[in-house]
């Protein structure tokens, strides 16, 4: 019974080995030349001018969520386009309804000013 799991164990050991080996080689052979830029706490190029726990404007999150929603809904078009001939008129009408709801939501967000950044 346990001999059935031997290929899985070998696969896991080899996967861990080939995953960690480049990291160890890079750490062992990589150059260590620290300078002030590498040791700075931020990568943006300037020192922090406010507390790191400052509050973000809620519009930032709103725009991010709206982008994710509309981006993911558009991603449904690709598999639909691939099988369009197989699903026929029913699939076409379902996608028309889906896109209609998507457009209504987009127009609503546009009219409410959620896509505006001041």
Protein backbone atom coordinates (compact mmCIF):
# COMPACT_ATOMS: atom_id res chain seq x y z
CA UNK A 1 0.00 0.00 0.00
CA UNK A 2 2.75 2.49 0.92
CA UNK A 3 4.64 1.74 -2.31
CA UNK A 4 1.85 3.55 -4.18
CA UNK A 5 2.87 6.80 -2.46
CA UNK A 6 6.59 6.52 -3.30
CA UNK A 7 6.29 8.42 -6.64
CA UNK A 8 4.44 11.21 -4.86
CA UNK A 9 7.14 11.42 -2.19
CA UNK A 10 9.88 11.48 -4.85
CA UNK A 11 8.01 14.18 -6.75
CA UNK A 12 7.63 16.32 -3.61
CA UNK A 13 11.30 15.95 -2.64
CA UNK A 14 12.49 16.83 -6.15
CA UNK A 15 10.09 19.77 -6.34
CA UNK A 16 11.31 21.18 -3.05
CA UNK A 17 14.94 20.59 -4.07
CA UNK A 18 14.58 22.33 -7.45
CA UNK A 19 12.58 25.14 -5.85
CA UNK A 20 15.02 25.89 -3.04
CA UNK A 21 18.30 25.20 -4.82
CA UNK A 22 18.32 28.38 -7.00
CA UNK A 23 17.49 30.45 -3.92
CA UNK A 24 20.35 28.94 -1.92
CA UNK A 25 22.82 29.30 -4.79
CA UNK A 26 21.83 32.94 -5.32
CA UNK A 27 22.11 33.68 -1.62
CA UNK A 28 25.51 31.97 -1.35
CA UNK A 29 27.09 33.36 -4.53
CA UNK A 30 25.26 36.68 -4.89
CA UNK A 31 27.13 39.94 -4.33
CA UNK A 32 26.57 41.81 -1.10
CA UNK A 33 27.05 45.50 -1.76
CA UNK A 34 24.69 47.39 0.53
CA UNK A 35 24.27 51.10 0.01
CA UNK A 36 21.92 53.75 1.37
CA UNK A 37 19.28 53.14 -1.31
CA UNK A 38 19.16 49.40 -0.74
CA UNK A 39 18.95 49.84 3.01
CA UNK A 40 16.19 52.45 2.86
CA UNK A 41 12.79 51.29 4.17
CA UNK A 42 10.82 52.30 1.05
CA UNK A 43 11.38 51.59 -2.62
CA UNK A 44 9.57 54.65 -3.92
CA UNK A 45 12.70 56.83 -3.97
CA UNK A 46 11.87 59.29 -1.20
CA UNK A 47 11.58 59.23 2.55
CA UNK A 48 8.19 58.75 4.15
CA UNK A 49 6.46 62.04 4.80
CA UNK A 50 3.53 60.74 6.88
CA UNK A 51 2.72 57.94 9.24
CA UNK A 52 2.42 54.53 7.61
CA UNK A 53 -0.93 54.06 9.32
CA UNK A 54 -2.56 57.02 7.61
CA UNK A 55 -6.08 56.58 6.28
CA UNK A 56 -6.65 56.14 2.58
CA UNK A 57 -9.50 57.81 0.78
CA UNK A 58 -12.39 55.40 0.32
CA UNK A 59 -12.53 56.33 -3.39
CA UNK A 60 -9.27 54.44 -3.90
CA UNK A 61 -10.93 51.21 -2.77
CA UNK A 62 -14.10 51.98 -4.71
CA UNK A 63 -12.22 52.42 -7.98
CA UNK A 64 -10.21 49.25 -7.31
CA UNK A 65 -13.34 47.19 -6.62
CA UNK A 66 -15.13 48.56 -9.67
CA UNK A 67 -12.14 47.73 -11.84
CA UNK A 68 -12.05 44.17 -10.54
CA UNK A 69 -15.79 43.71 -11.04
CA UNK A 70 -15.86 44.97 -14.63
CA UNK A 71 -12.58 43.26 -15.51
CA UNK A 72 -13.77 39.86 -14.30
CA UNK A 73 -17.11 40.19 -16.03
CA UNK A 74 -15.39 40.96 -19.32
CA UNK A 75 -13.28 37.82 -18.83
CA UNK A 76 -16.48 35.77 -19.26
CA UNK A 77 -16.60 36.82 -22.91
CA UNK A 78 -13.61 34.72 -23.95
CA UNK A 79 -14.96 31.25 -23.11
CA UNK A 80 -18.36 32.30 -24.46
CA UNK A 81 -16.79 33.33 -27.78
CA UNK A 82 -15.00 29.97 -28.06
CA UNK A 83 -18.19 27.89 -27.71
CA UNK A 84 -20.61 30.28 -29.41
CA UNK A 85 -21.37 27.90 -32.30
CA UNK A 86 -22.10 25.03 -29.91
CA UNK A 87 -24.47 26.90 -27.58
CA UNK A 88 -26.47 28.51 -30.37
CA UNK A 89 -29.12 31.20 -30.02
CA UNK A 90 -29.84 30.40 -26.36
CA UNK A 91 -26.23 31.10 -25.39
CA UNK A 92 -26.17 34.21 -27.52
CA UNK A 93 -29.29 35.63 -25.88
CA UNK A 94 -27.97 34.76 -22.42
CA UNK A 95 -24.80 36.74 -23.17
CA UNK A 96 -26.82 39.66 -24.56
CA UNK A 97 -28.77 39.78 -21.28
CA UNK A 98 -25.52 39.52 -19.31
CA UNK A 99 -23.92 42.34 -21.29
CA UNK A 100 -27.07 44.43 -20.95
CA UNK A 101 -26.93 44.12 -17.16
CA UNK A 102 -23.22 44.93 -17.29
CA UNK A 103 -23.81 48.06 -19.37
CA UNK A 104 -26.64 49.19 -17.08
CA UNK A 105 -24.34 48.82 -14.07
CA UNK A 106 -21.55 50.67 -15.85
CA UNK A 107 -23.83 53.55 -16.84
CA UNK A 108 -25.17 53.71 -13.27
CA UNK A 109 -21.66 53.96 -11.84
CA UNK A 110 -20.73 56.57 -14.42
CA UNK A 111 -23.80 58.72 -13.65
CA UNK A 112 -23.18 58.46 -9.90
CA UNK A 113 -19.64 59.76 -10.43
CA UNK A 114 -17.92 56.70 -8.98
CA UNK A 115 -15.44 56.66 -11.87
CA UNK A 116 -14.37 60.27 -11.34
CA UNK A 117 -11.15 60.99 -9.51
CA UNK A 118 -10.68 64.50 -8.13
